[in-house]
Amino acid sequence: MFSVRPIGRGECIVSEALTAKPETRASSVGRNLMLSFIILGFIVALGIWTYERTIWNWLIRLALLFCISILFVLTAYMFRPVRFLNDMPWYDTSHYREIIFFLVMLTGMVSSTLSRAIKDRRQEIARLKKSGSQFETPGLVIDRWDLLHPFLFSLVTFGGLLSQIEDQLFSLASVTLSFQTGFFWQTVLKGK
């Protein structure tokens, strides 16, 4: 980041970041971006760990998840990219756009797992109807490992998504593509 401070009539002081070589500024921005992704990833992992503590009271887990969410937002705000003299909205700047696409893709992965559970439930109901006996309608059965399985491949899938989106601005088409990439994550991996 750089700043310009006026010190008198027609004079100003420009900080060192502005006068630094472009390679130094670019590597500094790259390091900050990488550090922000590492810290935000750690916070997300902490949130998942908290969610998995089923022996804790649900109210305590909810309160901790709320605090972790606030920590995530504050950290994302702290590491927001430098705004230059342009009129781009915050969600079109580099690392916010990627985070939004990644979260939409993860939502697609969860939707895929729910869709598969609904199909399995329908097959179970059809099987029970075919048997001819009375039965209680079964509920959705979602194993947490089935839910976790797509997340193991989320970075590889996200790489495929980023190669498609490249530097496009935030739009309905790019959000839809992110969701579809998450929903059809197995197809994306087969294509790689």
N, C-alpha and C. Protein backbone atom coordinates (compact mmCIF):
# COMPACT_ATOMS: atom_id res chain seq x y z
N MET A 1 0.83 -1.17 0.00
CA MET A 1 0.00 0.00 0.00
C MET A 1 0.88 1.23 0.00
N PHE A 2 0.35 2.29 -0.49
CA PHE A 2 1.10 3.53 -0.49
C PHE A 2 0.18 4.67 -0.09
N SER A 3 0.80 5.71 0.34
CA SER A 3 0.01 6.88 0.72
C SER A 3 0.75 8.12 0.26
N VAL A 4 -0.02 9.14 0.01
CA VAL A 4 0.53 10.44 -0.36
C VAL A 4 0.02 11.44 0.66
N ARG A 5 0.94 12.10 1.35
CA ARG A 5 0.54 13.08 2.35
C ARG A 5 0.97 14.46 1.91
N PRO A 6 0.05 15.40 1.87
CA PRO A 6 0.45 16.77 1.56
C PRO A 6 1.19 17.38 2.74
N ILE A 7 2.29 18.09 2.46
CA ILE A 7 3.02 18.74 3.55
C ILE A 7 3.06 20.24 3.39
N GLY A 8 2.70 20.71 2.31
CA GLY A 8 2.71 22.15 2.11
C GLY A 8 2.11 22.47 0.77
N ARG A 9 2.25 23.65 0.38
CA ARG A 9 1.67 24.09 -0.88
C ARG A 9 2.39 23.46 -2.06
N GLY A 10 1.70 22.53 -2.76
CA GLY A 10 2.28 21.93 -3.95
C GLY A 10 3.29 20.84 -3.68
N GLU A 11 3.58 20.53 -2.43
CA GLU A 11 4.54 19.49 -2.11
C GLU A 11 3.81 18.30 -1.51
N CYS A 12 4.40 17.14 -1.68
CA CYS A 12 3.82 15.96 -1.03
C CYS A 12 4.92 14.93 -0.80
N ILE A 13 4.66 14.04 0.16
CA ILE A 13 5.59 12.96 0.47
C ILE A 13 4.95 11.67 -0.01
N VAL A 14 5.67 10.89 -0.75
CA VAL A 14 5.18 9.62 -1.26
C VAL A 14 5.90 8.52 -0.49
N SER A 15 5.15 7.56 0.04
CA SER A 15 5.78 6.51 0.84
C SER A 15 6.66 5.62 -0.02
N GLU A 16 7.46 4.79 0.65
CA GLU A 16 8.44 3.95 -0.04
C GLU A 16 7.80 2.91 -0.95
N ALA A 17 6.59 2.47 -0.59
CA ALA A 17 5.95 1.43 -1.40
C ALA A 17 5.68 1.92 -2.81
N LEU A 18 5.42 3.20 -2.97
CA LEU A 18 5.16 3.74 -4.29
C LEU A 18 6.44 3.87 -5.09
N THR A 19 7.52 4.20 -4.42
CA THR A 19 8.79 4.39 -5.13
C THR A 19 9.56 3.09 -5.27
N ALA A 20 9.07 1.99 -4.67
CA ALA A 20 9.77 0.72 -4.78
C ALA A 20 9.67 0.18 -6.20
N LYS A 21 10.56 -0.72 -6.53
CA LYS A 21 10.53 -1.34 -7.85
C LYS A 21 9.23 -2.11 -8.02
N PRO A 22 8.69 -2.19 -9.24
CA PRO A 22 7.42 -2.92 -9.45
C PRO A 22 7.52 -4.38 -9.04
N GLU A 23 8.68 -5.02 -9.22
CA GLU A 23 8.82 -6.43 -8.84
C GLU A 23 8.66 -6.58 -7.33
N THR A 24 9.19 -5.62 -6.56
CA THR A 24 9.09 -5.70 -5.11
C THR A 24 7.65 -5.51 -4.67
N ARG A 25 6.94 -4.55 -5.28
CA ARG A 25 5.54 -4.35 -4.93
C ARG A 25 4.71 -5.58 -5.27
N ALA A 26 4.94 -6.17 -6.43
CA ALA A 26 4.17 -7.34 -6.85
C ALA A 26 4.42 -8.52 -5.93
N SER A 27 5.67 -8.74 -5.54
CA SER A 27 5.96 -9.87 -4.65
C SER A 27 5.38 -9.62 -3.27
N SER A 28 5.35 -8.36 -2.84
CA SER A 28 4.75 -8.04 -1.55
C SER A 28 3.24 -8.30 -1.56
N VAL A 29 2.59 -7.91 -2.63
CA VAL A 29 1.15 -8.16 -2.76
C VAL A 29 0.89 -9.67 -2.83
N GLY A 30 1.73 -10.39 -3.56
CA GLY A 30 1.58 -11.85 -3.65
C GLY A 30 1.76 -12.52 -2.31
N ARG A 31 2.75 -12.07 -1.52
CA ARG A 31 2.95 -12.64 -0.19
C ARG A 31 1.75 -12.35 0.71
N ASN A 32 1.24 -11.12 0.65
CA ASN A 32 0.08 -10.78 1.47
C ASN A 32 -1.14 -11.60 1.07
N LEU A 33 -1.33 -11.81 -0.23
CA LEU A 33 -2.46 -12.60 -0.70
C LEU A 33 -2.33 -14.05 -0.24
N MET A 34 -1.12 -14.61 -0.34
CA MET A 34 -0.90 -15.98 0.09
C MET A 34 -1.11 -16.10 1.60
N LEU A 35 -0.60 -15.14 2.37
CA LEU A 35 -0.77 -15.15 3.81
C LEU A 35 -2.24 -15.05 4.18
N SER A 36 -2.98 -14.22 3.46
CA SER A 36 -4.40 -14.09 3.78
C SER A 36 -5.15 -15.38 3.50
N PHE A 37 -4.83 -16.08 2.40
CA PHE A 37 -5.49 -17.35 2.12
C PHE A 37 -5.14 -18.40 3.17
N ILE A 38 -3.91 -18.41 3.65
CA ILE A 38 -3.51 -19.37 4.69
C ILE A 38 -4.27 -19.10 5.98
N ILE A 39 -4.32 -17.84 6.39
CA ILE A 39 -5.00 -17.48 7.64
C ILE A 39 -6.50 -17.75 7.51
N LEU A 40 -7.10 -17.36 6.39
CA LEU A 40 -8.53 -17.60 6.20
C LEU A 40 -8.83 -19.10 6.14
N GLY A 41 -7.94 -19.88 5.53
CA GLY A 41 -8.11 -21.34 5.52
C GLY A 41 -8.05 -21.93 6.91
N PHE A 42 -7.15 -21.42 7.74
CA PHE A 42 -7.06 -21.88 9.12
C PHE A 42 -8.34 -21.55 9.88
N ILE A 43 -8.89 -20.37 9.65
CA ILE A 43 -10.13 -19.98 10.34
C ILE A 43 -11.29 -20.87 9.89
N VAL A 44 -11.36 -21.19 8.60
CA VAL A 44 -12.40 -22.09 8.10
C VAL A 44 -12.24 -23.48 8.71
N ALA A 45 -11.00 -23.97 8.80
CA ALA A 45 -10.74 -25.27 9.42
C ALA A 45 -11.16 -25.26 10.89
N LEU A 46 -10.90 -24.17 11.58
CA LEU A 46 -11.32 -24.02 12.98
C LEU A 46 -12.85 -24.07 13.08
N GLY A 47 -13.53 -23.44 12.14
CA GLY A 47 -14.99 -23.48 12.12
C GLY A 47 -15.52 -24.89 11.90
N ILE A 48 -14.90 -25.61 10.97
CA ILE A 48 -15.32 -27.00 10.71
C ILE A 48 -15.06 -27.88 11.93
N TRP A 49 -13.91 -27.68 12.58
CA TRP A 49 -13.58 -28.44 13.78
C TRP A 49 -14.60 -28.17 14.88
N THR A 50 -14.97 -26.90 15.05
CA THR A 50 -15.96 -26.53 16.07
C THR A 50 -17.31 -27.17 15.75
N TYR A 51 -17.69 -27.16 14.49
CA TYR A 51 -18.96 -27.75 14.08
C TYR A 51 -18.99 -29.25 14.36
N GLU A 52 -17.87 -29.92 14.23
CA GLU A 52 -17.81 -31.37 14.41
C GLU A 52 -17.82 -31.80 15.88
N ARG A 53 -17.67 -30.88 16.82
CA ARG A 53 -17.66 -31.22 18.24
C ARG A 53 -19.09 -31.46 18.70
N THR A 54 -19.63 -32.63 18.37
CA THR A 54 -21.03 -32.93 18.68
C THR A 54 -21.26 -33.17 20.17
N ILE A 55 -20.20 -33.39 20.94
CA ILE A 55 -20.38 -33.59 22.38
C ILE A 55 -20.63 -32.27 23.10
N TRP A 56 -20.34 -31.16 22.43
CA TRP A 56 -20.59 -29.85 23.02
C TRP A 56 -22.06 -29.49 22.84
N ASN A 57 -22.54 -28.68 23.73
CA ASN A 57 -23.90 -28.19 23.63
C ASN A 57 -24.06 -27.41 22.33
N TRP A 58 -25.21 -27.53 21.68
CA TRP A 58 -25.41 -26.88 20.38
C TRP A 58 -25.36 -25.36 20.51
N LEU A 59 -25.77 -24.83 21.66
CA LEU A 59 -25.74 -23.39 21.85
C LEU A 59 -24.30 -22.88 21.94
N ILE A 60 -23.45 -23.63 22.59
CA ILE A 60 -22.03 -23.25 22.67
C ILE A 60 -21.39 -23.32 21.28
N ARG A 61 -21.70 -24.38 20.54
CA ARG A 61 -21.15 -24.49 19.18
C ARG A 61 -21.63 -23.35 18.31
N LEU A 62 -22.91 -23.00 18.41
CA LEU A 62 -23.46 -21.90 17.62
C LEU A 62 -22.78 -20.58 17.96
N ALA A 63 -22.57 -20.33 19.25
CA ALA A 63 -21.90 -19.10 19.67
C ALA A 63 -20.46 -19.06 19.17
N LEU A 64 -19.76 -20.20 19.26
CA LEU A 64 -18.38 -20.25 18.76
C LEU A 64 -18.33 -20.07 17.25
N LEU A 65 -19.26 -20.68 16.54
CA LEU A 65 -19.29 -20.50 15.08
C LEU A 65 -19.59 -19.06 14.70
N PHE A 66 -20.42 -18.40 15.47
CA PHE A 66 -20.70 -16.99 15.23
C PHE A 66 -19.43 -16.16 15.43
N CYS A 67 -18.70 -16.44 16.52
CA CYS A 67 -17.44 -15.72 16.78
C CYS A 67 -16.41 -16.00 15.69
N ILE A 68 -16.34 -17.24 15.24
CA ILE A 68 -15.40 -17.59 14.17
C ILE A 68 -15.79 -16.90 12.87
N SER A 69 -17.08 -16.79 12.62
CA SER A 69 -17.54 -16.07 11.42
C SER A 69 -17.13 -14.60 11.47
N ILE A 70 -17.29 -14.00 12.62
CA ILE A 70 -16.86 -12.60 12.78
C ILE A 70 -15.36 -12.49 12.57
N LEU A 71 -14.60 -13.43 13.13
CA LEU A 71 -13.15 -13.43 12.94
C LEU A 71 -12.79 -13.56 11.47
N PHE A 72 -13.52 -14.40 10.74
CA PHE A 72 -13.29 -14.58 9.31
C PHE A 72 -13.52 -13.28 8.55
N VAL A 73 -14.64 -12.62 8.84
CA VAL A 73 -14.97 -11.37 8.15
C VAL A 73 -13.94 -10.30 8.46
N LEU A 74 -13.55 -10.19 9.73
CA LEU A 74 -12.56 -9.18 10.11
C LEU A 74 -11.21 -9.45 9.46
N THR A 75 -10.82 -10.71 9.41
CA THR A 75 -9.55 -11.06 8.78
C THR A 75 -9.60 -10.78 7.28
N ALA A 76 -10.71 -11.13 6.64
CA ALA A 76 -10.84 -10.85 5.21
C ALA A 76 -10.81 -9.35 4.96
N TYR A 77 -11.38 -8.58 5.86
CA TYR A 77 -11.36 -7.13 5.71
C TYR A 77 -9.94 -6.58 5.90
N MET A 78 -9.23 -7.15 6.89
CA MET A 78 -7.86 -6.69 7.14
C MET A 78 -6.95 -6.93 5.95
N PHE A 79 -7.12 -8.06 5.31
CA PHE A 79 -6.25 -8.43 4.20
C PHE A 79 -6.87 -8.07 2.85
N ARG A 80 -7.82 -7.15 2.86
CA ARG A 80 -8.43 -6.77 1.59
C ARG A 80 -7.36 -6.21 0.67
N PRO A 81 -7.54 -6.42 -0.62
CA PRO A 81 -6.53 -5.94 -1.55
C PRO A 81 -6.50 -4.41 -1.60
N VAL A 82 -5.39 -3.91 -2.02
CA VAL A 82 -5.21 -2.48 -2.13
C VAL A 82 -6.14 -1.95 -3.21
N ARG A 83 -6.84 -0.89 -2.92
CA ARG A 83 -7.71 -0.28 -3.93
C ARG A 83 -6.94 0.81 -4.63
N PHE A 84 -6.93 0.71 -5.90
CA PHE A 84 -6.29 1.75 -6.70
C PHE A 84 -7.37 2.71 -7.18
N LEU A 85 -7.02 3.62 -7.97
CA LEU A 85 -7.96 4.64 -8.40
C LEU A 85 -8.87 4.10 -9.49
N ASN A 86 -9.81 3.25 -9.08
CA ASN A 86 -10.79 2.74 -10.02
C ASN A 86 -12.14 2.64 -9.32
N ASP A 87 -13.15 2.34 -10.07
CA ASP A 87 -14.49 2.29 -9.51
C ASP A 87 -15.02 0.88 -9.39
N MET A 88 -14.14 -0.11 -9.33
CA MET A 88 -14.58 -1.49 -9.22
C MET A 88 -15.20 -1.74 -7.85
N PRO A 89 -16.33 -2.46 -7.79
CA PRO A 89 -16.90 -2.81 -6.48
C PRO A 89 -16.00 -3.81 -5.76
N TRP A 90 -16.16 -3.92 -4.46
CA TRP A 90 -15.27 -4.77 -3.66
C TRP A 90 -15.32 -6.23 -4.10
N TYR A 91 -16.48 -6.72 -4.54
CA TYR A 91 -16.59 -8.14 -4.90
C TYR A 91 -15.94 -8.45 -6.25
N ASP A 92 -15.55 -7.43 -7.00
CA ASP A 92 -14.84 -7.66 -8.26
C ASP A 92 -13.33 -7.58 -8.10
N THR A 93 -12.86 -7.27 -6.91
CA THR A 93 -11.41 -7.25 -6.69
C THR A 93 -10.94 -8.68 -6.49
N SER A 94 -9.68 -8.89 -6.76
CA SER A 94 -9.13 -10.23 -6.92
C SER A 94 -9.48 -11.21 -5.82
N HIS A 95 -9.08 -11.03 -4.63
CA HIS A 95 -9.23 -12.17 -3.75
C HIS A 95 -10.64 -12.31 -3.20
N TYR A 96 -11.44 -11.28 -3.18
CA TYR A 96 -12.84 -11.43 -2.80
C TYR A 96 -13.59 -12.22 -3.87
N ARG A 97 -13.32 -11.95 -5.11
CA ARG A 97 -14.00 -12.65 -6.20
C ARG A 97 -13.71 -14.15 -6.12
N GLU A 98 -12.45 -14.51 -5.90
CA GLU A 98 -12.10 -15.93 -5.81
C GLU A 98 -12.74 -16.59 -4.59
N ILE A 99 -12.79 -15.89 -3.47
CA ILE A 99 -13.40 -16.46 -2.27
C ILE A 99 -14.89 -16.70 -2.51
N ILE A 100 -15.57 -15.73 -3.14
CA ILE A 100 -16.99 -15.90 -3.42
C ILE A 100 -17.22 -17.08 -4.36
N PHE A 101 -16.40 -17.18 -5.41
CA PHE A 101 -16.54 -18.30 -6.34
C PHE A 101 -16.28 -19.63 -5.62
N PHE A 102 -15.29 -19.66 -4.74
CA PHE A 102 -14.96 -20.88 -4.01
C PHE A 102 -16.13 -21.28 -3.10
N LEU A 103 -16.72 -20.31 -2.38
CA LEU A 103 -17.84 -20.62 -1.50
C LEU A 103 -19.07 -21.08 -2.29
N VAL A 104 -19.32 -20.47 -3.44
CA VAL A 104 -20.44 -20.90 -4.28
C VAL A 104 -20.18 -22.32 -4.80
N MET A 105 -18.92 -22.61 -5.15
CA MET A 105 -18.57 -23.96 -5.61
C MET A 105 -18.77 -24.98 -4.48
N LEU A 106 -18.38 -24.63 -3.25
CA LEU A 106 -18.60 -25.53 -2.11
C LEU A 106 -20.10 -25.75 -1.87
N THR A 107 -20.91 -24.71 -2.07
CA THR A 107 -22.36 -24.85 -1.96
C THR A 107 -22.88 -25.83 -3.00
N GLY A 108 -22.34 -25.77 -4.20
CA GLY A 108 -22.71 -26.73 -5.23
C GLY A 108 -22.33 -28.15 -4.85
N MET A 109 -21.19 -28.32 -4.19
CA MET A 109 -20.77 -29.66 -3.75
C MET A 109 -21.71 -30.21 -2.69
N VAL A 110 -22.13 -29.35 -1.75
CA VAL A 110 -23.08 -29.78 -0.73
C VAL A 110 -24.43 -30.11 -1.37
N SER A 111 -24.85 -29.32 -2.34
CA SER A 111 -26.10 -29.58 -3.05
C SER A 111 -26.04 -30.91 -3.79
N SER A 112 -24.90 -31.24 -4.35
CA SER A 112 -24.72 -32.52 -5.03
C SER A 112 -24.89 -33.68 -4.06
N THR A 113 -24.33 -33.54 -2.87
CA THR A 113 -24.46 -34.59 -1.86
C THR A 113 -25.91 -34.73 -1.41
N LEU A 114 -26.60 -33.60 -1.22
CA LEU A 114 -28.02 -33.64 -0.84
C LEU A 114 -28.87 -34.27 -1.95
N SER A 115 -28.56 -33.94 -3.18
CA SER A 115 -29.29 -34.51 -4.31
C SER A 115 -29.12 -36.02 -4.35
N ARG A 116 -27.90 -36.48 -4.12
CA ARG A 116 -27.65 -37.92 -4.11
C ARG A 116 -28.40 -38.60 -2.97
N ALA A 117 -28.47 -37.95 -1.79
CA ALA A 117 -29.21 -38.51 -0.66
C ALA A 117 -30.71 -38.58 -0.96
N ILE A 118 -31.23 -37.57 -1.65
CA ILE A 118 -32.65 -37.59 -2.02
C ILE A 118 -32.94 -38.72 -3.01
N LYS A 119 -32.04 -38.92 -3.97
CA LYS A 119 -32.22 -40.03 -4.92
C LYS A 119 -32.18 -41.38 -4.20
N ASP A 120 -31.26 -41.53 -3.25
CA ASP A 120 -31.17 -42.78 -2.48
C ASP A 120 -32.45 -43.00 -1.66
N ARG A 121 -32.99 -41.92 -1.10
CA ARG A 121 -34.24 -42.02 -0.33
C ARG A 121 -35.38 -42.46 -1.24
N ARG A 122 -35.47 -41.89 -2.44
CA ARG A 122 -36.53 -42.28 -3.37
C ARG A 122 -36.41 -43.76 -3.75
N GLN A 123 -35.20 -44.23 -3.97
CA GLN A 123 -34.99 -45.64 -4.29
C GLN A 123 -35.39 -46.53 -3.12
N GLU A 124 -35.09 -46.09 -1.90
CA GLU A 124 -35.47 -46.87 -0.72
C GLU A 124 -36.98 -46.93 -0.57
N ILE A 125 -37.67 -45.81 -0.81
CA ILE A 125 -39.13 -45.79 -0.74
C ILE A 125 -39.73 -46.71 -1.81
N ALA A 126 -39.17 -46.67 -3.03
CA ALA A 126 -39.66 -47.55 -4.10
C ALA A 126 -39.44 -49.01 -3.74
N ARG A 127 -38.31 -49.32 -3.13
CA ARG A 127 -38.02 -50.70 -2.72
C ARG A 127 -38.99 -51.16 -1.64
N LEU A 128 -39.28 -50.26 -0.69
CA LEU A 128 -40.21 -50.63 0.39
C LEU A 128 -41.64 -50.78 -0.13
N LYS A 129 -42.05 -49.95 -1.11
CA LYS A 129 -43.37 -50.08 -1.71
C LYS A 129 -43.50 -51.39 -2.48
N LYS A 130 -42.40 -51.76 -3.13
CA LYS A 130 -42.39 -52.99 -3.93
C LYS A 130 -42.54 -54.22 -3.04
N SER A 131 -42.01 -54.14 -1.81
CA SER A 131 -42.10 -55.28 -0.90
C SER A 131 -43.53 -55.52 -0.43
N GLY A 132 -44.38 -54.47 -0.48
CA GLY A 132 -45.79 -54.66 -0.17
C GLY A 132 -46.14 -54.50 1.30
N SER A 133 -45.19 -54.44 2.17
CA SER A 133 -45.50 -54.30 3.59
C SER A 133 -45.62 -52.82 3.95
N GLN A 134 -46.24 -52.58 5.12
CA GLN A 134 -46.33 -51.20 5.58
C GLN A 134 -44.96 -50.74 6.05
N PHE A 135 -44.72 -49.47 5.86
CA PHE A 135 -43.41 -48.94 6.24
C PHE A 135 -43.54 -47.48 6.63
N GLU A 136 -42.58 -47.04 7.41
CA GLU A 136 -42.46 -45.62 7.71
C GLU A 136 -41.59 -44.99 6.65
N THR A 137 -41.97 -43.81 6.23
CA THR A 137 -41.18 -43.13 5.20
C THR A 137 -39.80 -42.81 5.78
N PRO A 138 -38.76 -43.31 5.11
CA PRO A 138 -37.41 -43.06 5.64
C PRO A 138 -37.00 -41.59 5.45
N GLY A 139 -36.16 -41.13 6.33
CA GLY A 139 -35.62 -39.78 6.22
C GLY A 139 -34.38 -39.76 5.34
N LEU A 140 -33.85 -38.58 5.16
CA LEU A 140 -32.60 -38.46 4.41
C LEU A 140 -31.45 -38.99 5.25
N VAL A 141 -30.61 -39.78 4.64
CA VAL A 141 -29.43 -40.31 5.32
C VAL A 141 -28.21 -39.68 4.66
N ILE A 142 -27.56 -38.80 5.40
CA ILE A 142 -26.36 -38.15 4.88
C ILE A 142 -25.22 -38.45 5.85
N ASP A 143 -24.29 -39.22 5.40
CA ASP A 143 -23.12 -39.52 6.19
C ASP A 143 -22.17 -38.34 6.11
N ARG A 144 -21.57 -37.97 7.24
CA ARG A 144 -20.68 -36.80 7.20
C ARG A 144 -19.46 -37.05 6.32
N TRP A 145 -19.08 -38.30 6.13
CA TRP A 145 -17.94 -38.59 5.26
C TRP A 145 -18.33 -38.40 3.79
N ASP A 146 -19.60 -38.70 3.47
CA ASP A 146 -20.08 -38.41 2.12
C ASP A 146 -20.11 -36.91 1.86
N LEU A 147 -20.41 -36.15 2.91
CA LEU A 147 -20.42 -34.69 2.80
C LEU A 147 -19.01 -34.13 2.71
N LEU A 148 -18.07 -34.77 3.38
CA LEU A 148 -16.68 -34.30 3.39
C LEU A 148 -15.93 -34.69 2.11
N HIS A 149 -16.33 -35.77 1.48
CA HIS A 149 -15.62 -36.30 0.32
C HIS A 149 -15.38 -35.27 -0.79
N PRO A 150 -16.39 -34.50 -1.21
CA PRO A 150 -16.12 -33.51 -2.28
C PRO A 150 -15.15 -32.42 -1.84
N PHE A 151 -15.14 -32.09 -0.53
CA PHE A 151 -14.24 -31.04 -0.07
C PHE A 151 -12.78 -31.44 -0.20
N LEU A 152 -12.51 -32.74 -0.19
CA LEU A 152 -11.13 -33.20 -0.34
C LEU A 152 -10.58 -32.86 -1.72
N PHE A 153 -11.47 -32.73 -2.70
CA PHE A 153 -11.05 -32.43 -4.06
C PHE A 153 -11.39 -31.00 -4.47
N SER A 154 -11.74 -30.18 -3.49
CA SER A 154 -12.22 -28.83 -3.81
C SER A 154 -11.14 -27.96 -4.46
N LEU A 155 -9.89 -28.09 -4.03
CA LEU A 155 -8.84 -27.25 -4.63
C LEU A 155 -8.58 -27.63 -6.08
N VAL A 156 -8.60 -28.93 -6.36
CA VAL A 156 -8.38 -29.37 -7.74
C VAL A 156 -9.54 -28.90 -8.62
N THR A 157 -10.76 -29.05 -8.11
CA THR A 157 -11.93 -28.60 -8.84
C THR A 157 -11.92 -27.09 -9.03
N PHE A 158 -11.47 -26.37 -8.00
CA PHE A 158 -11.41 -24.91 -8.08
C PHE A 158 -10.39 -24.47 -9.13
N GLY A 159 -9.32 -25.23 -9.29
CA GLY A 159 -8.35 -24.91 -10.34
C GLY A 159 -8.98 -24.98 -11.71
N GLY A 160 -9.82 -26.00 -11.92
CA GLY A 160 -10.54 -26.09 -13.20
C GLY A 160 -11.49 -24.93 -13.40
N LEU A 161 -12.14 -24.52 -12.32
CA LEU A 161 -13.05 -23.38 -12.40
C LEU A 161 -12.30 -22.09 -12.73
N LEU A 162 -11.17 -21.87 -12.06
CA LEU A 162 -10.40 -20.65 -12.31
C LEU A 162 -9.87 -20.60 -13.74
N SER A 163 -9.54 -21.76 -14.30
CA SER A 163 -9.06 -21.76 -15.69
C SER A 163 -10.19 -21.37 -16.65
N GLN A 164 -11.43 -21.62 -16.28
CA GLN A 164 -12.57 -21.23 -17.11
C GLN A 164 -12.93 -19.76 -16.93
N ILE A 165 -12.91 -19.30 -15.68
CA ILE A 165 -13.34 -17.93 -15.38
C ILE A 165 -12.26 -16.91 -15.70
N GLU A 166 -11.01 -17.25 -15.43
CA GLU A 166 -9.86 -16.36 -15.62
C GLU A 166 -10.10 -15.02 -14.93
N ASP A 167 -10.07 -13.92 -15.66
CA ASP A 167 -10.22 -12.60 -15.06
C ASP A 167 -11.56 -11.95 -15.36
N GLN A 168 -12.59 -12.76 -15.54
CA GLN A 168 -13.91 -12.21 -15.80
C GLN A 168 -14.41 -11.46 -14.58
N LEU A 169 -15.21 -10.45 -14.82
CA LEU A 169 -15.83 -9.74 -13.72
C LEU A 169 -16.95 -10.59 -13.13
N PHE A 170 -17.34 -10.26 -11.93
CA PHE A 170 -18.39 -10.97 -11.22
C PHE A 170 -19.70 -10.82 -11.96
N SER A 171 -20.33 -11.93 -12.34
CA SER A 171 -21.60 -11.88 -13.07
C SER A 171 -22.42 -13.11 -12.71
N LEU A 172 -23.67 -13.09 -13.12
CA LEU A 172 -24.55 -14.23 -12.86
C LEU A 172 -24.02 -15.48 -13.56
N ALA A 173 -23.48 -15.32 -14.76
CA ALA A 173 -22.95 -16.47 -15.50
C ALA A 173 -21.76 -17.09 -14.76
N SER A 174 -20.87 -16.27 -14.20
CA SER A 174 -19.71 -16.82 -13.50
C SER A 174 -20.12 -17.48 -12.18
N VAL A 175 -21.13 -16.93 -11.50
CA VAL A 175 -21.62 -17.55 -10.27
C VAL A 175 -22.30 -18.88 -10.59
N THR A 176 -23.07 -18.92 -11.67
CA THR A 176 -23.73 -20.16 -12.09
C THR A 176 -22.69 -21.21 -12.46
N LEU A 177 -21.65 -20.79 -13.17
CA LEU A 177 -20.58 -21.72 -13.53
C LEU A 177 -19.89 -22.25 -12.27
N SER A 178 -19.71 -21.41 -11.26
CA SER A 178 -19.10 -21.85 -10.01
C SER A 178 -19.96 -22.90 -9.33
N PHE A 179 -21.27 -22.66 -9.28
CA PHE A 179 -22.18 -23.63 -8.66
C PHE A 179 -22.18 -24.94 -9.43
N GLN A 180 -22.25 -24.85 -10.76
CA GLN A 180 -22.26 -26.06 -11.58
C GLN A 180 -20.96 -26.85 -11.42
N THR A 181 -19.85 -26.14 -11.34
CA THR A 181 -18.57 -26.83 -11.16
C THR A 181 -18.57 -27.60 -9.85
N GLY A 182 -19.14 -27.00 -8.79
CA GLY A 182 -19.23 -27.71 -7.52
C GLY A 182 -20.21 -28.87 -7.58
N PHE A 183 -21.34 -28.66 -8.24
CA PHE A 183 -22.36 -29.71 -8.30
C PHE A 183 -21.86 -30.91 -9.09
N PHE A 184 -21.16 -30.65 -10.18
CA PHE A 184 -20.65 -31.74 -11.03
C PHE A 184 -19.16 -31.94 -10.81
N TRP A 185 -18.70 -31.89 -9.56
CA TRP A 185 -17.27 -31.95 -9.26
C TRP A 185 -16.64 -33.26 -9.73
N GLN A 186 -17.38 -34.37 -9.71
CA GLN A 186 -16.81 -35.64 -10.16
C GLN A 186 -16.55 -35.61 -11.66
N THR A 187 -17.42 -34.96 -12.41
CA THR A 187 -17.24 -34.84 -13.86
C THR A 187 -16.02 -33.97 -14.17
N VAL A 188 -15.83 -32.91 -13.40
CA VAL A 188 -14.68 -32.03 -13.59
C VAL A 188 -13.39 -32.79 -13.36
N LEU A 189 -13.37 -33.65 -12.33
CA LEU A 189 -12.16 -34.42 -12.05
C LEU A 189 -11.89 -35.47 -13.12
N LYS A 190 -12.94 -36.05 -13.68
CA LYS A 190 -12.75 -37.04 -14.74
C LYS A 190 -12.18 -36.39 -16.00
N GLY A 191 -12.52 -35.12 -16.23
CA GLY A 191 -12.05 -34.40 -17.40
C GLY A 191 -10.61 -33.96 -17.29
N LYS A 192 -10.07 -33.93 -16.08
CA LYS A 192 -8.68 -33.46 -15.89
C LYS A 192 -7.68 -34.53 -16.23
